[in-house]
Amino acid sequence: MLVDPALVDSASLVGIRDFDAYRAIILSDVAVLSAESAGRIAKFVEHGGGLLIAVGEHADAEFMNGWRTTNGIPVLPAPLNERAV
C-alpha cells in the first residue's frame, strides 16, 4: 500500500513513544501539544522525519512560534501570525 495513515487525536499522541515507524506526521488544526509529544515530534523532525502542519482556527500561534527542537531551532519554518478577523 502506498499510504497507510494512522489517525490519532492530539491527546493520544502521548501514547506514541516512538515515531520511527512513520515517514511523516500531519498535524491538522492542532491547538497545542503536550510538552512530551512536542519534544518527540521535534526529535523526529531533527532525525529527518517529515512534518506537515495544517493550521486552522484552533492553532495557537504562541505555542507554534515557541516550539523548538532540542538545539533551539524553531520547528516551524516561519512565524505564525495571529489571524486578523
C-alpha atoms as a PDB file:
ATOM      1  CA  MET A   1       0.000   0.000   0.000  1.00  0.00           C
ATOM      2  CA  LEU A   2       1.344   3.421  -0.921  1.00  0.00           C
ATOM      3  CA  VAL A   3      -0.094   5.185   2.133  1.00  0.00           C
ATOM      4  CA  ASP A   4      -1.326   3.605   5.340  1.00  0.00           C
ATOM      5  CA  PRO A   5      -2.382   6.507   7.587  1.00  0.00           C
ATOM      6  CA  ALA A   6      -2.884   6.220  11.316  1.00  0.00           C
ATOM      7  CA  LEU A   7      -5.407   8.784  12.576  1.00  0.00           C
ATOM      8  CA  VAL A   8      -4.675   9.864  16.136  1.00  0.00           C
ATOM      9  CA  ASP A   9      -6.173  12.757  18.078  1.00  0.00           C
ATOM     10  CA  SER A  10      -3.675  15.154  19.633  1.00  0.00           C
ATOM     11  CA  ALA A  11      -4.394  13.958  23.191  1.00  0.00           C
ATOM     12  CA  SER A  12      -3.475  10.388  22.201  1.00  0.00           C
ATOM     13  CA  LEU A  13      -0.077  11.386  20.780  1.00  0.00           C
ATOM     14  CA  VAL A  14       1.401  10.959  24.262  1.00  0.00           C
ATOM     15  CA  GLY A  15       0.827   7.216  23.873  1.00  0.00           C
ATOM     16  CA  ILE A  16       3.115   7.062  20.827  1.00  0.00           C
ATOM     17  CA  ARG A  17       6.568   6.588  22.293  1.00  0.00           C
ATOM     18  CA  ASP A  18       8.458   6.291  19.005  1.00  0.00           C
ATOM     19  CA  PHE A  19       7.643   7.911  15.667  1.00  0.00           C
ATOM     20  CA  ASP A  20      10.338   5.967  13.750  1.00  0.00           C
ATOM     21  CA  ALA A  21       7.694   3.722  12.164  1.00  0.00           C
ATOM     22  CA  TYR A  22       6.344   6.791  10.320  1.00  0.00           C
ATOM     23  CA  ARG A  23       7.778   8.761   7.414  1.00  0.00           C
ATOM     24  CA  ALA A  24       5.699  11.861   8.078  1.00  0.00           C
ATOM     25  CA  ILE A  25       3.374  13.375  10.639  1.00  0.00           C
ATOM     26  CA  ILE A  26       0.485  15.646   9.666  1.00  0.00           C
ATOM     27  CA  LEU A  27      -0.907  17.932  12.349  1.00  0.00           C
ATOM     28  CA  SER A  28      -4.282  19.249  11.244  1.00  0.00           C
ATOM     29  CA  ASP A  29      -5.651  22.234  13.183  1.00  0.00           C
ATOM     30  CA  VAL A  30      -3.899  21.210  16.400  1.00  0.00           C
ATOM     31  CA  ALA A  31      -4.040  23.909  19.071  1.00  0.00           C
ATOM     32  CA  VAL A  32      -1.299  22.857  21.499  1.00  0.00           C
ATOM     33  CA  LEU A  33       0.682  19.664  22.039  1.00  0.00           C
ATOM     34  CA  SER A  34       1.833  18.324  25.385  1.00  0.00           C
ATOM     35  CA  ALA A  35       5.493  19.053  26.113  1.00  0.00           C
ATOM     36  CA  GLU A  36       6.210  15.339  25.786  1.00  0.00           C
ATOM     37  CA  SER A  37       4.556  14.997  22.360  1.00  0.00           C
ATOM     38  CA  ALA A  38       6.076  18.244  21.086  1.00  0.00           C
ATOM     39  CA  GLY A  39       9.531  17.050  22.134  1.00  0.00           C
ATOM     40  CA  ARG A  40       9.160  13.675  20.461  1.00  0.00           C
ATOM     41  CA  ILE A  41       7.873  15.210  17.239  1.00  0.00           C
ATOM     42  CA  ALA A  42      10.710  17.772  17.237  1.00  0.00           C
ATOM     43  CA  LYS A  43      13.218  14.934  17.654  1.00  0.00           C
ATOM     44  CA  PHE A  44      11.513  13.026  14.817  1.00  0.00           C
ATOM     45  CA  VAL A  45      11.957  16.078  12.561  1.00  0.00           C
ATOM     46  CA  GLU A  46      15.589  16.560  13.655  1.00  0.00           C
ATOM     47  CA  HIS A  47      16.281  12.992  12.538  1.00  0.00           C
ATOM     48  CA  GLY A  48      14.795  13.556   9.069  1.00  0.00           C
ATOM     49  CA  GLY A  49      11.111  12.786   9.584  1.00  0.00           C
ATOM     50  CA  GLY A  50       8.574  14.825   7.645  1.00  0.00           C
ATOM     51  CA  LEU A  51       6.158  17.203   9.323  1.00  0.00           C
ATOM     52  CA  LEU A  52       3.205  18.988   7.725  1.00  0.00           C
ATOM     53  CA  ILE A  53       1.317  21.448   9.893  1.00  0.00           C
ATOM     54  CA  ALA A  54      -2.082  22.485   8.546  1.00  0.00           C
ATOM     55  CA  VAL A  55      -3.049  25.364  10.802  1.00  0.00           C
ATOM     56  CA  GLY A  56      -6.681  26.235  11.336  1.00  0.00           C
ATOM     57  CA  GLU A  57      -8.866  28.218  13.671  1.00  0.00           C
ATOM     58  CA  HIS A  58      -7.687  26.249  16.726  1.00  0.00           C
ATOM     59  CA  ALA A  59      -3.963  26.733  16.122  1.00  0.00           C
ATOM     60  CA  ASP A  60      -2.215  28.523  18.980  1.00  0.00           C
ATOM     61  CA  ALA A  61       0.342  30.933  17.470  1.00  0.00           C
ATOM     62  CA  GLU A  62       2.185  31.366  20.771  1.00  0.00           C
ATOM     63  CA  PHE A  63       2.722  27.614  21.109  1.00  0.00           C
ATOM     64  CA  MET A  64       3.650  27.093  17.451  1.00  0.00           C
ATOM     65  CA  ASN A  65       6.114  30.006  17.423  1.00  0.00           C
ATOM     66  CA  GLY A  66       7.718  28.859  20.674  1.00  0.00           C
ATOM     67  CA  TRP A  67       8.074  25.223  19.605  1.00  0.00           C
ATOM     68  CA  ARG A  68      11.785  24.398  19.302  1.00  0.00           C
ATOM     69  CA  THR A  69      13.990  21.401  18.580  1.00  0.00           C
ATOM     70  CA  THR A  70      16.465  20.229  21.221  1.00  0.00           C
ATOM     71  CA  ASN A  71      19.022  22.507  19.512  1.00  0.00           C
ATOM     72  CA  GLY A  72      16.769  25.549  19.933  1.00  0.00           C
ATOM     73  CA  ILE A  73      15.814  25.736  16.241  1.00  0.00           C
ATOM     74  CA  PRO A  74      12.167  26.643  15.553  1.00  0.00           C
ATOM     75  CA  VAL A  75      10.129  23.671  14.324  1.00  0.00           C
ATOM     76  CA  LEU A  76       8.106  25.952  12.028  1.00  0.00           C
ATOM     77  CA  PRO A  77       9.962  27.392   9.028  1.00  0.00           C
ATOM     78  CA  ALA A  78       8.362  30.820   9.557  1.00  0.00           C
ATOM     79  CA  PRO A  79       6.451  32.519  12.379  1.00  0.00           C
ATOM     80  CA  LEU A  80       2.720  32.009  12.585  1.00  0.00           C
ATOM     81  CA  ASN A  81       0.846  35.280  12.895  1.00  0.00           C
ATOM     82  CA  GLU A  82      -2.462  35.787  14.644  1.00  0.00           C
ATOM     83  CA  ARG A  83      -5.344  35.667  12.219  1.00  0.00           C
ATOM     84  CA  ALA A  84      -6.937  39.032  11.579  1.00  0.00           C
ATOM     85  CA  VAL A  85     -10.710  38.932  11.547  1.00  0.00           C
END
